[in-house]
């Protein structure tokens, strides 16, 4: 598995041609809007969302209801998976 590149709430916007922009925010979006977006993947055609990730939706906009990890695989797919807690030892 690739190392996660971003961790936060994902906001997905679908373009008319079916591609997605995935933005990552440090805080939970309100109605899909967030002021503190710190990363984005624009014009993606290959996005894989883990089935356990819950999304809220409004029109062509959706967002995760809890924090996630977002990373790009070696095949170029943007993956959105549940955020895993880590325990320091």
C-alpha atoms as a PDB file:
ATOM      1  CA  UNK A   1       0.000   0.000   0.000  1.00  0.00           C
ATOM      2  CA  UNK A   2       1.194   3.505  -0.783  1.00  0.00           C
ATOM      3  CA  UNK A   3       1.982   5.916   2.014  1.00  0.00           C
ATOM      4  CA  UNK A   4      -0.959   8.313   2.590  1.00  0.00           C
ATOM      5  CA  UNK A   5      -0.202  11.748   1.223  1.00  0.00           C
ATOM      6  CA  UNK A   6      -3.061  13.661   2.827  1.00  0.00           C
ATOM      7  CA  UNK A   7      -5.271  13.146   5.848  1.00  0.00           C
ATOM      8  CA  UNK A   8      -8.485  15.057   6.559  1.00  0.00           C
ATOM      9  CA  UNK A   9     -11.975  15.414   5.118  1.00  0.00           C
ATOM     10  CA  UNK A  10     -12.331  14.816   1.375  1.00  0.00           C
ATOM     11  CA  UNK A  11     -14.625  16.999  -0.727  1.00  0.00           C
ATOM     12  CA  UNK A  12     -15.448  15.656  -4.189  1.00  0.00           C
ATOM     13  CA  UNK A  13     -16.802  17.778  -7.032  1.00  0.00           C
ATOM     14  CA  UNK A  14     -17.911  16.170 -10.289  1.00  0.00           C
ATOM     15  CA  UNK A  15     -17.339  18.086 -13.512  1.00  0.00           C
ATOM     16  CA  UNK A  16     -19.793  17.920 -16.458  1.00  0.00           C
ATOM     17  CA  UNK A  17     -17.469  15.480 -18.256  1.00  0.00           C
ATOM     18  CA  UNK A  18     -17.546  13.053 -15.302  1.00  0.00           C
ATOM     19  CA  UNK A  19     -14.126  13.784 -13.847  1.00  0.00           C
ATOM     20  CA  UNK A  20     -13.605  14.552 -10.168  1.00  0.00           C
ATOM     21  CA  UNK A  21     -11.760  17.158  -8.190  1.00  0.00           C
ATOM     22  CA  UNK A  22     -10.819  15.847  -4.754  1.00  0.00           C
ATOM     23  CA  UNK A  23     -10.020  18.539  -2.184  1.00  0.00           C
ATOM     24  CA  UNK A  24      -8.772  17.776   1.331  1.00  0.00           C
ATOM     25  CA  UNK A  25      -9.703  19.943   4.300  1.00  0.00           C
ATOM     26  CA  UNK A  26      -8.447  19.939   7.892  1.00  0.00           C
ATOM     27  CA  UNK A  27     -11.932  20.509   9.291  1.00  0.00           C
ATOM     28  CA  UNK A  28     -15.315  18.975   8.641  1.00  0.00           C
ATOM     29  CA  UNK A  29     -17.076  20.707   5.742  1.00  0.00           C
ATOM     30  CA  UNK A  30     -20.425  22.385   6.338  1.00  0.00           C
ATOM     31  CA  UNK A  31     -22.774  21.628   3.420  1.00  0.00           C
ATOM     32  CA  UNK A  32     -19.698  20.627   1.421  1.00  0.00           C
ATOM     33  CA  UNK A  33     -17.897  23.921   1.937  1.00  0.00           C
ATOM     34  CA  UNK A  34     -14.606  24.259   3.812  1.00  0.00           C
ATOM     35  CA  UNK A  35     -12.315  27.239   4.189  1.00  0.00           C
ATOM     36  CA  UNK A  36      -9.157  25.349   5.067  1.00  0.00           C
ATOM     37  CA  UNK A  37      -8.471  23.185   2.005  1.00  0.00           C
ATOM     38  CA  UNK A  38      -4.779  22.304   1.944  1.00  0.00           C
ATOM     39  CA  UNK A  39      -4.509  19.903  -1.011  1.00  0.00           C
ATOM     40  CA  UNK A  40      -6.388  18.937  -4.159  1.00  0.00           C
ATOM     41  CA  UNK A  41      -6.328  16.467  -7.021  1.00  0.00           C
ATOM     42  CA  UNK A  42      -7.914  18.110 -10.086  1.00  0.00           C
ATOM     43  CA  UNK A  43      -9.517  16.444 -13.116  1.00  0.00           C
ATOM     44  CA  UNK A  44      -9.218  12.877 -11.907  1.00  0.00           C
ATOM     45  CA  UNK A  45     -10.881  10.090 -13.853  1.00  0.00           C
ATOM     46  CA  UNK A  46      -9.675   7.284 -11.575  1.00  0.00           C
ATOM     47  CA  UNK A  47     -10.876   7.700  -8.004  1.00  0.00           C
ATOM     48  CA  UNK A  48     -11.465   4.727  -5.716  1.00  0.00           C
ATOM     49  CA  UNK A  49     -13.517   5.288  -2.560  1.00  0.00           C
ATOM     50  CA  UNK A  50     -13.347   2.526   0.040  1.00  0.00           C
ATOM     51  CA  UNK A  51     -16.883   1.125   0.574  1.00  0.00           C
ATOM     52  CA  UNK A  52     -16.658   1.822   4.320  1.00  0.00           C
ATOM     53  CA  UNK A  53     -16.182   5.581   3.754  1.00  0.00           C
ATOM     54  CA  UNK A  54     -19.465   7.416   4.331  1.00  0.00           C
ATOM     55  CA  UNK A  55     -20.334  10.370   2.101  1.00  0.00           C
ATOM     56  CA  UNK A  56     -22.835  13.197   2.421  1.00  0.00           C
ATOM     57  CA  UNK A  57     -24.099  14.498  -0.921  1.00  0.00           C
ATOM     58  CA  UNK A  58     -25.659  17.616  -2.351  1.00  0.00           C
ATOM     59  CA  UNK A  59     -26.057  17.712  -6.135  1.00  0.00           C
ATOM     60  CA  UNK A  60     -22.707  16.968  -7.801  1.00  0.00           C
ATOM     61  CA  UNK A  61     -20.850  17.707  -4.566  1.00  0.00           C
ATOM     62  CA  UNK A  62     -20.094  15.088  -1.919  1.00  0.00           C
ATOM     63  CA  UNK A  63     -17.856  14.979   1.142  1.00  0.00           C
ATOM     64  CA  UNK A  64     -16.699  12.481   3.722  1.00  0.00           C
ATOM     65  CA  UNK A  65     -18.425  12.533   7.089  1.00  0.00           C
ATOM     66  CA  UNK A  66     -15.250  11.537   8.942  1.00  0.00           C
ATOM     67  CA  UNK A  67     -11.513  11.965   8.345  1.00  0.00           C
ATOM     68  CA  UNK A  68      -9.926   9.900   5.575  1.00  0.00           C
ATOM     69  CA  UNK A  69      -6.543   9.184   4.026  1.00  0.00           C
ATOM     70  CA  UNK A  70      -6.062  10.238   0.410  1.00  0.00           C
ATOM     71  CA  UNK A  71      -3.172   8.864  -1.608  1.00  0.00           C
ATOM     72  CA  UNK A  72      -2.285   8.152  -5.216  1.00  0.00           C
ATOM     73  CA  UNK A  73      -1.353   4.558  -6.048  1.00  0.00           C
ATOM     74  CA  UNK A  74       1.516   3.632  -8.349  1.00  0.00           C
ATOM     75  CA  UNK A  75      -1.136   3.083 -11.074  1.00  0.00           C
ATOM     76  CA  UNK A  76      -2.266   6.729 -10.737  1.00  0.00           C
ATOM     77  CA  UNK A  77      -5.572   6.053  -8.959  1.00  0.00           C
ATOM     78  CA  UNK A  78      -6.602   8.494  -6.227  1.00  0.00           C
ATOM     79  CA  UNK A  79      -7.627   6.338  -3.254  1.00  0.00           C
ATOM     80  CA  UNK A  80      -9.832   7.497  -0.394  1.00  0.00           C
ATOM     81  CA  UNK A  81      -9.727   5.189   2.631  1.00  0.00           C
ATOM     82  CA  UNK A  82     -10.764   5.505   6.288  1.00  0.00           C
ATOM     83  CA  UNK A  83      -8.230   7.312   8.461  1.00  0.00           C
ATOM     84  CA  UNK A  84      -6.433   4.838  10.645  1.00  0.00           C
ATOM     85  CA  UNK A  85      -5.419   5.745  14.154  1.00  0.00           C
ATOM     86  CA  UNK A  86      -1.786   5.207  14.982  1.00  0.00           C
ATOM     87  CA  UNK A  87      -0.382   4.428  18.373  1.00  0.00           C
ATOM     88  CA  UNK A  88       3.132   5.532  19.236  1.00  0.00           C
ATOM     89  CA  UNK A  89       5.168   2.937  21.048  1.00  0.00           C
END
